[in-house]
PDB file of N, CA and C in Angstrom:
ATOM      1  N   MET A   1      11.606  -5.420  -7.400  1.00  0.00           N
ATOM      2  CA  MET A   1      10.781  -4.287  -7.213  1.00  0.00           C
ATOM      3  C   MET A   1      11.298  -3.595  -6.172  1.00  0.00           C
ATOM      4  N   PRO A   2      11.382  -2.115  -5.889  1.00  0.00           N
ATOM      5  CA  PRO A   2      12.029  -1.242  -5.383  1.00  0.00           C
ATOM      6  C   PRO A   2      12.033  -1.626  -3.699  1.00  0.00           C
ATOM      7  N   LEU A   3      10.813  -1.812  -3.297  1.00  0.00           N
ATOM      8  CA  LEU A   3      11.028  -2.074  -1.743  1.00  0.00           C
ATOM      9  C   LEU A   3      11.886  -3.227  -1.483  1.00  0.00           C
ATOM     10  N   ARG A   4      11.921  -4.395  -2.270  1.00  0.00           N
ATOM     11  CA  ARG A   4      12.612  -5.156  -1.612  1.00  0.00           C
ATOM     12  C   ARG A   4      14.885  -4.737  -2.494  1.00  0.00           C
ATOM     13  N   ARG A   5      14.917  -3.936  -3.251  1.00  0.00           N
ATOM     14  CA  ARG A   5      15.903  -3.259  -3.271  1.00  0.00           C
ATOM     15  C   ARG A   5      15.979  -2.528  -1.911  1.00  0.00           C
ATOM     16  N   ALA A   6      15.110  -1.744  -1.494  1.00  0.00           N
ATOM     17  CA  ALA A   6      15.366  -0.739  -0.402  1.00  0.00           C
ATOM     18  C   ALA A   6      15.444  -1.643   0.903  1.00  0.00           C
ATOM     19  N   SER A   7      15.020  -3.133   0.945  1.00  0.00           N
ATOM     20  CA  SER A   7      15.444  -4.028   1.793  1.00  0.00           C
ATOM     21  C   SER A   7      17.173  -4.041   1.648  1.00  0.00           C
ATOM     22  N   GLU A   8      17.469  -4.633   0.495  1.00  0.00           N
ATOM     23  CA  GLU A   8      18.865  -4.953   0.432  1.00  0.00           C
ATOM     24  C   GLU A   8      19.426  -4.419   0.765  1.00  0.00           C
ATOM     25  N   GLY A   9      19.255  -3.064   0.441  1.00  0.00           N
ATOM     26  CA  GLY A   9      20.327  -1.571   0.514  1.00  0.00           C
ATOM     27  C   GLY A   9      20.158  -1.426   1.907  1.00  0.00           C
ATOM     28  N   GLY A  10      19.171  -1.573   2.901  1.00  0.00           N
ATOM     29  CA  GLY A  10      19.352  -1.474   4.359  1.00  0.00           C
ATOM     30  C   GLY A  10      18.305  -0.239   4.451  1.00  0.00           C
ATOM     31  N   LEU A  11      17.681   0.491   3.677  1.00  0.00           N
ATOM     32  CA  LEU A  11      16.702   1.444   3.649  1.00  0.00           C
ATOM     33  C   LEU A  11      15.546   1.053   4.761  1.00  0.00           C
ATOM     34  N   LEU A  12      14.902  -0.228   4.361  1.00  0.00           N
ATOM     35  CA  LEU A  12      13.880  -0.981   5.081  1.00  0.00           C
ATOM     36  C   LEU A  12      14.904  -1.764   5.855  1.00  0.00           C
ATOM     37  N   GLN A  13      14.209  -1.935   7.237  1.00  0.00           N
ATOM     38  CA  GLN A  13      14.561  -2.766   7.581  1.00  0.00           C
ATOM     39  C   GLN A  13      14.111  -4.371   8.486  1.00  0.00           C
ATOM     40  N   GLY A  14      13.941  -5.115   9.193  1.00  0.00           N
ATOM     41  CA  GLY A  14      12.939  -6.118   9.650  1.00  0.00           C
ATOM     42  C   GLY A  14      11.636  -6.648   8.699  1.00  0.00           C
ATOM     43  N   GLU A  15      10.717  -6.297   8.981  1.00  0.00           N
ATOM     44  CA  GLU A  15       9.600  -6.955   8.383  1.00  0.00           C
ATOM     45  C   GLU A  15       8.765  -5.303   7.585  1.00  0.00           C
ATOM     46  N   GLU A  16       9.207  -4.703   7.658  1.00  0.00           N
ATOM     47  CA  GLU A  16       8.909  -3.348   7.163  1.00  0.00           C
ATOM     48  C   GLU A  16       9.189  -3.880   5.490  1.00  0.00           C
ATOM     49  N   ALA A  17       9.486  -4.382   4.963  1.00  0.00           N
ATOM     50  CA  ALA A  17       9.485  -4.195   2.944  1.00  0.00           C
ATOM     51  C   ALA A  17       8.242  -5.100   3.170  1.00  0.00           C
ATOM     52  N   ASP A  18       8.399  -5.931   3.581  1.00  0.00           N
ATOM     53  CA  ASP A  18       6.755  -6.854   3.944  1.00  0.00           C
ATOM     54  C   ASP A  18       5.652  -6.772   4.089  1.00  0.00           C
ATOM     55  N   VAL A  19       5.827  -5.490   5.266  1.00  0.00           N
ATOM     56  CA  VAL A  19       4.483  -4.804   5.193  1.00  0.00           C
ATOM     57  C   VAL A  19       4.605  -3.876   3.979  1.00  0.00           C
ATOM     58  N   LEU A  20       5.205  -3.126   3.652  1.00  0.00           N
ATOM     59  CA  LEU A  20       4.574  -2.565   2.693  1.00  0.00           C
ATOM     60  C   LEU A  20       4.010  -3.366   1.301  1.00  0.00           C
ATOM     61  N   VAL A  21       5.180  -4.285   1.088  1.00  0.00           N
ATOM     62  CA  VAL A  21       4.731  -5.256  -0.128  1.00  0.00           C
ATOM     63  C   VAL A  21       2.943  -5.785   0.153  1.00  0.00           C
ATOM     64  N   GLY A  22       3.041  -5.618   1.033  1.00  0.00           N
ATOM     65  CA  GLY A  22       1.748  -6.771   1.113  1.00  0.00           C
ATOM     66  C   GLY A  22       0.153  -4.975   1.437  1.00  0.00           C
ATOM     67  N   ALA A  23       0.612  -4.293   1.935  1.00  0.00           N
ATOM     68  CA  ALA A  23       0.072  -3.272   1.886  1.00  0.00           C
ATOM     69  C   ALA A  23       0.075  -2.435  -0.410  1.00  0.00           C
ATOM     70  N   PHE A  24       0.729  -2.650  -0.658  1.00  0.00           N
ATOM     71  CA  PHE A  24       0.914  -2.235  -1.755  1.00  0.00           C
ATOM     72  C   PHE A  24      -0.344  -3.503  -2.844  1.00  0.00           C
ATOM     73  N   THR A  25       0.031  -4.572  -2.355  1.00  0.00           N
ATOM     74  CA  THR A  25      -0.325  -5.464  -3.253  1.00  0.00           C
ATOM     75  C   THR A  25      -2.097  -5.443  -2.648  1.00  0.00           C
ATOM     76  N   GLU A  26      -2.392  -5.257  -1.541  1.00  0.00           N
ATOM     77  CA  GLU A  26      -3.896  -5.018  -1.331  1.00  0.00           C
ATOM     78  C   GLU A  26      -4.372  -4.016  -1.787  1.00  0.00           C
ATOM     79  N   ILE A  27      -4.163  -2.672  -1.595  1.00  0.00           N
ATOM     80  CA  ILE A  27      -4.346  -1.251  -2.357  1.00  0.00           C
ATOM     81  C   ILE A  27      -4.670  -1.579  -4.043  1.00  0.00           C
ATOM     82  N   HIS A  28      -3.505  -2.370  -4.406  1.00  0.00           N
ATOM     83  CA  HIS A  28      -3.526  -2.458  -5.851  1.00  0.00           C
ATOM     84  C   HIS A  28      -4.687  -3.841  -6.369  1.00  0.00           C
ATOM     85  N   GLN A  29      -5.170  -4.345  -5.854  1.00  0.00           N
ATOM     86  CA  GLN A  29      -5.613  -5.499  -5.561  1.00  0.00           C
ATOM     87  C   GLN A  29      -7.420  -4.616  -6.366  1.00  0.00           C
ATOM     88  N   LEU A  30      -7.944  -3.809  -5.038  1.00  0.00           N
ATOM     89  CA  LEU A  30      -8.732  -3.252  -4.683  1.00  0.00           C
ATOM     90  C   LEU A  30      -8.733  -2.418  -6.005  1.00  0.00           C
ATOM     91  N   VAL A  31      -8.176  -1.717  -6.359  1.00  0.00           N
ATOM     92  CA  VAL A  31      -7.990  -0.620  -7.213  1.00  0.00           C
ATOM     93  C   VAL A  31      -8.026  -1.402  -8.648  1.00  0.00           C
ATOM     94  N   PHE A  32      -8.134  -2.453  -9.039  1.00  0.00           N
ATOM     95  CA  PHE A  32      -7.556  -3.497 -10.228  1.00  0.00           C
ATOM     96  C   PHE A  32      -9.404  -3.944  -9.976  1.00  0.00           C
ATOM     97  N   ASP A  33      -9.846  -4.776  -8.947  1.00  0.00           N
ATOM     98  CA  ASP A  33     -10.693  -4.917  -9.074  1.00  0.00           C
ATOM     99  C   ASP A  33     -11.804  -4.242  -8.671  1.00  0.00           C
ATOM    100  N   GLU A  34     -11.793  -1.983  -8.391  1.00  0.00           N
ATOM    101  CA  GLU A  34     -12.916  -1.462  -8.818  1.00  0.00           C
ATOM    102  C   GLU A  34     -12.973  -1.532 -10.923  1.00  0.00           C
ATOM    103  N   GLU A  35     -11.672  -1.165 -11.003  1.00  0.00           N
ATOM    104  CA  GLU A  35     -11.670  -1.124 -12.285  1.00  0.00           C
ATOM    105  C   GLU A  35     -12.215  -2.104 -13.211  1.00  0.00           C
ATOM    106  N   ILE A  36     -12.284  -3.343 -12.887  1.00  0.00           N
ATOM    107  CA  ILE A  36     -13.041  -4.887 -13.694  1.00  0.00           C
ATOM    108  C   ILE A  36     -13.781  -4.457 -13.675  1.00  0.00           C
ATOM    109  N   ALA A  37     -14.633  -3.920 -12.394  1.00  0.00           N
ATOM    110  CA  ALA A  37     -16.138  -3.843 -12.421  1.00  0.00           C
ATOM    111  C   ALA A  37     -16.766  -2.893 -12.896  1.00  0.00           C
ATOM    112  N   ASP A  38     -16.072  -1.664 -13.222  1.00  0.00           N
ATOM    113  CA  ASP A  38     -16.620  -0.680 -14.018  1.00  0.00           C
ATOM    114  C   ASP A  38     -16.585  -1.159 -15.140  1.00  0.00           C
ATOM    115  N   ILE A  39     -15.684  -1.903 -15.878  1.00  0.00           N
ATOM    116  CA  ILE A  39     -15.684  -2.176 -17.358  1.00  0.00           C
ATOM    117  C   ILE A  39     -16.967  -3.238 -17.687  1.00  0.00           C
ATOM    118  N   ARG A  40     -17.166  -3.990 -16.653  1.00  0.00           N
ATOM    119  CA  ARG A  40     -18.223  -5.261 -16.606  1.00  0.00           C
ATOM    120  C   ARG A  40     -20.112  -4.248 -16.617  1.00  0.00           C
ATOM    121  N   ALA A  41     -19.461  -3.082 -16.082  1.00  0.00           N
ATOM    122  CA  ALA A  41     -21.010  -2.962 -15.953  1.00  0.00           C
ATOM    123  C   ALA A  41     -20.754  -1.239 -17.008  1.00  0.00           C
ATOM    124  N   GLY A  42     -20.113  -1.069 -17.747  1.00  0.00           N
ATOM    125  CA  GLY A  42     -20.281  -0.103 -19.224  1.00  0.00           C
ATOM    126  C   GLY A  42     -18.987   1.271 -18.584  1.00  0.00           C
ATOM    127  N   ARG A  43     -19.021   1.624 -17.191  1.00  0.00           N
ATOM    128  CA  ARG A  43     -18.115   2.838 -16.945  1.00  0.00           C
ATOM    129  C   ARG A  43     -17.027   3.050 -17.345  1.00  0.00           C
ATOM    130  N   THR A  44     -16.302   4.032 -17.099  1.00  0.00           N
ATOM    131  CA  THR A  44     -15.051   4.746 -17.534  1.00  0.00           C
ATOM    132  C   THR A  44     -13.904   4.186 -16.598  1.00  0.00           C
ATOM    133  N   PRO A  45     -13.347   3.168 -16.894  1.00  0.00           N
ATOM    134  CA  PRO A  45     -12.868   3.269 -15.325  1.00  0.00           C
ATOM    135  C   PRO A  45     -11.877   3.796 -14.898  1.00  0.00           C
ATOM    136  N   ASN A  46     -11.778   4.180 -13.580  1.00  0.00           N
ATOM    137  CA  ASN A  46     -10.954   4.801 -12.992  1.00  0.00           C
ATOM    138  C   ASN A  46      -9.959   4.417 -11.579  1.00  0.00           C
ATOM    139  N   THR A  47      -8.969   4.853 -11.001  1.00  0.00           N
ATOM    140  CA  THR A  47      -8.908   4.560  -9.809  1.00  0.00           C
ATOM    141  C   THR A  47      -9.293   5.249  -8.623  1.00  0.00           C
ATOM    142  N   TRP A  48     -10.036   5.989  -8.807  1.00  0.00           N
ATOM    143  CA  TRP A  48     -10.757   6.416  -7.439  1.00  0.00           C
ATOM    144  C   TRP A  48     -11.402   5.746  -6.733  1.00  0.00           C
ATOM    145  N   ILE A  49     -11.485   5.408  -5.317  1.00  0.00           N
ATOM    146  CA  ILE A  49     -12.852   4.379  -4.724  1.00  0.00           C
ATOM    147  C   ILE A  49     -13.095   5.396  -3.956  1.00  0.00           C
ATOM    148  N   SER A  50     -15.014   5.589  -3.759  1.00  0.00           N
ATOM    149  CA  SER A  50     -15.115   5.825  -2.745  1.00  0.00           C
ATOM    150  C   SER A  50     -15.430   4.932  -1.328  1.00  0.00           C
ATOM    151  N   PRO A  51     -14.723   4.743  -0.047  1.00  0.00           N
ATOM    152  CA  PRO A  51     -14.625   4.666   0.996  1.00  0.00           C
ATOM    153  C   PRO A  51     -16.142   3.975   1.537  1.00  0.00           C
ATOM    154  N   ASP A  52     -17.077   5.072   0.931  1.00  0.00           N
ATOM    155  CA  ASP A  52     -18.103   4.602   1.518  1.00  0.00           C
ATOM    156  C   ASP A  52     -19.067   3.370   0.615  1.00  0.00           C
ATOM    157  N   SER A  53     -18.042   3.161  -0.774  1.00  0.00           N
ATOM    158  CA  SER A  53     -18.558   1.923  -1.233  1.00  0.00           C
ATOM    159  C   SER A  53     -18.134   0.593  -0.921  1.00  0.00           C
ATOM    160  N   LEU A  54     -17.027   0.534   0.218  1.00  0.00           N
ATOM    161  CA  LEU A  54     -16.573  -0.566   0.638  1.00  0.00           C
ATOM    162  C   LEU A  54     -16.932  -1.253   1.667  1.00  0.00           C
ATOM    163  N   ASP A  55     -17.489  -2.528   2.170  1.00  0.00           N
ATOM    164  CA  ASP A  55     -17.659  -3.226   2.998  1.00  0.00           C
ATOM    165  C   ASP A  55     -16.716  -2.456   4.554  1.00  0.00           C
ATOM    166  N   SER A  56     -17.378  -3.027   5.462  1.00  0.00           N
ATOM    167  CA  SER A  56     -16.167  -2.394   6.747  1.00  0.00           C
ATOM    168  C   SER A  56     -15.280  -3.423   7.167  1.00  0.00           C
ATOM    169  N   LEU A  57     -15.306  -5.231   6.386  1.00  0.00           N
ATOM    170  CA  LEU A  57     -14.048  -5.379   6.879  1.00  0.00           C
ATOM    171  C   LEU A  57     -12.834  -4.967   5.524  1.00  0.00           C
ATOM    172  N   THR A  58     -13.188  -4.411   4.758  1.00  0.00           N
ATOM    173  CA  THR A  58     -12.203  -4.244   3.238  1.00  0.00           C
ATOM    174  C   THR A  58     -11.750  -2.628   3.925  1.00  0.00           C
ATOM    175  N   ARG A  59     -12.908  -1.495   4.662  1.00  0.00           N
ATOM    176  CA  ARG A  59     -12.303  -0.326   5.159  1.00  0.00           C
ATOM    177  C   ARG A  59     -11.387  -0.867   6.072  1.00  0.00           C
ATOM    178  N   ARG A  60     -11.351  -1.599   7.235  1.00  0.00           N
ATOM    179  CA  ARG A  60     -10.594  -1.770   7.933  1.00  0.00           C
ATOM    180  C   ARG A  60      -9.223  -2.038   7.491  1.00  0.00           C
ATOM    181  N   HIS A  61      -9.441  -3.222   6.616  1.00  0.00           N
ATOM    182  CA  HIS A  61      -7.905  -3.220   6.198  1.00  0.00           C
ATOM    183  C   HIS A  61      -6.821  -2.517   5.491  1.00  0.00           C
ATOM    184  N   LEU A  62      -7.999  -1.603   5.057  1.00  0.00           N
ATOM    185  CA  LEU A  62      -7.157  -0.482   3.805  1.00  0.00           C
ATOM    186  C   LEU A  62      -6.892   0.422   4.980  1.00  0.00           C
ATOM    187  N   ARG A  63      -7.878   0.827   6.370  1.00  0.00           N
ATOM    188  CA  ARG A  63      -7.053   1.729   6.712  1.00  0.00           C
ATOM    189  C   ARG A  63      -6.137   1.021   7.659  1.00  0.00           C
ATOM    190  N   GLU A  64      -5.510   0.036   8.100  1.00  0.00           N
ATOM    191  CA  GLU A  64      -4.149  -0.504   8.678  1.00  0.00           C
ATOM    192  C   GLU A  64      -3.563  -0.677   7.745  1.00  0.00           C
ATOM    193  N   SER A  65      -3.762  -0.624   6.158  1.00  0.00           N
ATOM    194  CA  SER A  65      -3.182  -0.885   5.490  1.00  0.00           C
ATOM    195  C   SER A  65      -2.058   0.693   5.590  1.00  0.00           C
ATOM    196  N   PHE A  66      -2.664   1.822   5.083  1.00  0.00           N
ATOM    197  CA  PHE A  66      -2.251   3.305   5.300  1.00  0.00           C
ATOM    198  C   PHE A  66      -2.119   3.635   6.655  1.00  0.00           C
ATOM    199  N   ARG A  67      -2.266   2.933   7.880  1.00  0.00           N
ATOM    200  CA  ARG A  67      -1.634   3.012   8.858  1.00  0.00           C
ATOM    201  C   ARG A  67      -0.072   2.489   9.102  1.00  0.00           C
ATOM    202  N   SER A  68      -0.153   1.422   9.030  1.00  0.00           N
ATOM    203  CA  SER A  68       1.035   0.766   8.009  1.00  0.00           C
ATOM    204  C   SER A  68       2.431   1.289   7.605  1.00  0.00           C
ATOM    205  N   ILE A  69       1.671   1.756   6.254  1.00  0.00           N
ATOM    206  CA  ILE A  69       2.724   2.829   5.252  1.00  0.00           C
ATOM    207  C   ILE A  69       3.066   3.871   6.103  1.00  0.00           C
ATOM    208  N   SER A  70       2.082   4.706   6.675  1.00  0.00           N
ATOM    209  CA  SER A  70       2.475   5.746   7.796  1.00  0.00           C
ATOM    210  C   SER A  70       3.429   5.845   8.679  1.00  0.00           C
ATOM    211  N   SER A  71       3.429   4.910   9.497  1.00  0.00           N
ATOM    212  CA  SER A  71       4.403   4.336  10.008  1.00  0.00           C
ATOM    213  C   SER A  71       5.377   4.199  10.054  1.00  0.00           C
ATOM    214  N   ILE A  72       6.055   3.372   8.959  1.00  0.00           N
ATOM    215  CA  ILE A  72       7.008   2.678   8.172  1.00  0.00           C
ATOM    216  C   ILE A  72       7.549   4.313   7.809  1.00  0.00           C
ATOM    217  N   GLN A  73       6.925   5.257   7.142  1.00  0.00           N
ATOM    218  CA  GLN A  73       7.189   5.961   6.576  1.00  0.00           C
ATOM    219  C   GLN A  73       7.758   7.190   7.237  1.00  0.00           C
ATOM    220  N   GLY A  74       7.086   7.357   8.769  1.00  0.00           N
ATOM    221  CA  GLY A  74       7.503   8.221   9.710  1.00  0.00           C
ATOM    222  C   GLY A  74       8.997   7.754  10.142  1.00  0.00           C
ATOM    223  N   VAL A  75       9.000   6.498   9.754  1.00  0.00           N
ATOM    224  CA  VAL A  75      10.807   5.835  10.889  1.00  0.00           C
ATOM    225  C   VAL A  75      11.558   5.807   9.590  1.00  0.00           C
ATOM    226  N   VAL A  76      11.494   5.736   8.092  1.00  0.00           N
ATOM    227  CA  VAL A  76      12.451   5.952   7.558  1.00  0.00           C
ATOM    228  C   VAL A  76      12.707   7.136   7.209  1.00  0.00           C
ATOM    229  N   ASP A  77      11.687   8.387   7.326  1.00  0.00           N
ATOM    230  CA  ASP A  77      12.257   9.603   6.856  1.00  0.00           C
ATOM    231  C   ASP A  77      13.130  10.281   8.425  1.00  0.00           C
ATOM    232  N   GLY A  78      13.023   9.804   9.522  1.00  0.00           N
ATOM    233  CA  GLY A  78      14.247  10.289  10.424  1.00  0.00           C
ATOM    234  C   GLY A  78      14.777   9.885  11.019  1.00  0.00           C
ATOM    235  N   GLU A  79      15.131   8.255   9.987  1.00  0.00           N
ATOM    236  CA  GLU A  79      16.149   7.730  10.068  1.00  0.00           C
ATOM    237  C   GLU A  79      17.122   7.038   8.337  1.00  0.00           C
ATOM    238  N   TRP A  80      16.565   7.677   8.014  1.00  0.00           N
ATOM    239  CA  TRP A  80      17.453   6.954   6.506  1.00  0.00           C
ATOM    240  C   TRP A  80      18.516   7.605   6.386  1.00  0.00           C
ATOM    241  N   THR A  81      19.233   8.554   6.758  1.00  0.00           N
ATOM    242  CA  THR A  81      20.701   8.967   6.388  1.00  0.00           C
ATOM    243  C   THR A  81      21.458   8.041   7.617  1.00  0.00           C
ATOM    244  N   ARG A  82      21.015   7.642   8.396  1.00  0.00           N
ATOM    245  CA  ARG A  82      21.454   6.658   9.668  1.00  0.00           C
ATOM    246  C   ARG A  82      21.943   5.078   8.654  1.00  0.00           C
ATOM    247  N   ARG A  83      20.117   4.746   8.286  1.00  0.00           N
ATOM    248  CA  ARG A  83      19.976   3.779   7.871  1.00  0.00           C
ATOM    249  C   ARG A  83      20.952   3.253   6.420  1.00  0.00           C
ATOM    250  N   LEU A  84      21.811   4.396   5.850  1.00  0.00           N
ATOM    251  CA  LEU A  84      22.432   4.166   4.545  1.00  0.00           C
ATOM    252  C   LEU A  84      23.754   3.939   4.676  1.00  0.00           C
ATOM    253  N   LYS A  85      23.854   3.954   6.496  1.00  0.00           N
ATOM    254  CA  LYS A  85      25.723   4.389   6.360  1.00  0.00           C
ATOM    255  C   LYS A  85      26.075   2.540   6.754  1.00  0.00           C
TER     256      LYS A  85
END
């Protein structure tokens, strides 16, 4: 997985890769579940999910995933040249 390689290569540090893998997995599972629901309901599956259709716990988890991703992106964006040396 590219995130693991980024960690092994020094671009991601500490638990950053684990956090990103967790966020990716959670988001991917949410999209996959919605696509399955679409297929079962006879609708054309797509990857767009209305936040209003999610329960409050799922919205909270999704928000936390996006915050984690944004935070790590900000750190890596500012430090990537130093991290790769």
